């Protein structure tokens, strides 16, 4: 395999992880919006929380796959 290909793939992976981290932080804030440190029960809070949960489940699955 070409080393430049691997370096580029690694850089793109790092950028994607950074973007996902930013999205996760934003979803966490939206899930708690209007409720201090607790998750809210408005439609917007629930949409953000469901999306955040799916994102975290995907991250856990990918972390397990990386361990293999």
Protein backbone atom coordinates (compact mmCIF):
# COMPACT_ATOMS: atom_id res chain seq x y z
CA UNK A 1 0.00 0.00 0.00
CA UNK A 2 1.11 3.52 -0.74
CA UNK A 3 2.20 5.37 2.42
CA UNK A 4 0.64 8.62 1.18
CA UNK A 5 -2.72 6.87 0.90
CA UNK A 6 -2.43 5.68 4.50
CA UNK A 7 -1.39 9.10 5.75
CA UNK A 8 -4.31 10.76 3.95
CA UNK A 9 -6.77 8.18 5.30
CA UNK A 10 -5.44 8.72 8.82
CA UNK A 11 -5.80 12.50 8.47
CA UNK A 12 -9.37 12.16 7.17
CA UNK A 13 -10.20 9.79 10.03
CA UNK A 14 -8.89 12.29 12.58
CA UNK A 15 -10.92 15.09 10.97
CA UNK A 16 -14.06 12.96 11.02
CA UNK A 17 -13.56 12.11 14.69
CA UNK A 18 -13.18 15.82 15.48
CA UNK A 19 -16.39 16.67 13.61
CA UNK A 20 -18.26 13.87 15.42
CA UNK A 21 -16.98 15.18 18.74
CA UNK A 22 -18.30 18.66 17.91
CA UNK A 23 -21.67 17.17 16.88
CA UNK A 24 -21.82 15.12 20.08
CA UNK A 25 -21.17 18.21 22.20
CA UNK A 26 -23.86 20.19 20.37
CA UNK A 27 -26.41 17.37 20.70
CA UNK A 28 -25.66 17.11 24.42
CA UNK A 29 -26.39 20.83 24.82
CA UNK A 30 -29.59 20.58 22.76
CA UNK A 31 -30.78 17.56 24.74
CA UNK A 32 -30.49 19.63 27.93
CA UNK A 33 -31.61 22.98 26.51
CA UNK A 34 -33.91 24.72 28.97
CA UNK A 35 -33.30 22.14 31.70
CA UNK A 36 -29.95 23.04 33.22
CA UNK A 37 -27.81 19.91 33.64
CA UNK A 38 -30.67 17.47 33.06
CA UNK A 39 -32.11 16.08 29.86
CA UNK A 40 -35.38 17.68 28.90
CA UNK A 41 -38.62 16.22 27.63
CA UNK A 42 -39.52 18.65 24.88
CA UNK A 43 -39.72 17.33 21.34
CA UNK A 44 -36.42 19.05 20.51
CA UNK A 45 -34.73 17.63 23.62
CA UNK A 46 -35.95 14.14 22.77
CA UNK A 47 -34.83 14.35 19.12
CA UNK A 48 -31.37 15.49 20.24
CA UNK A 49 -31.16 12.77 22.90
CA UNK A 50 -32.19 10.00 20.48
CA UNK A 51 -29.63 11.19 17.94
CA UNK A 52 -26.96 11.48 20.63
CA UNK A 53 -27.70 7.95 21.80
CA UNK A 54 -27.38 6.57 18.26
CA UNK A 55 -24.12 8.47 17.76
CA UNK A 56 -22.67 7.06 20.99
CA UNK A 57 -23.80 3.52 20.15
CA UNK A 58 -22.07 3.82 16.79
CA UNK A 59 -18.89 5.08 18.45
CA UNK A 60 -18.89 2.16 20.89
CA UNK A 61 -19.37 -0.32 18.02
CA UNK A 62 -16.53 1.26 16.04
CA UNK A 63 -14.25 1.21 19.09
CA UNK A 64 -14.94 -2.50 19.53
CA UNK A 65 -14.26 -3.11 15.83
CA UNK A 66 -10.93 -1.26 16.16
CA UNK A 67 -9.91 -3.61 18.98
CA UNK A 68 -10.19 -6.64 16.71
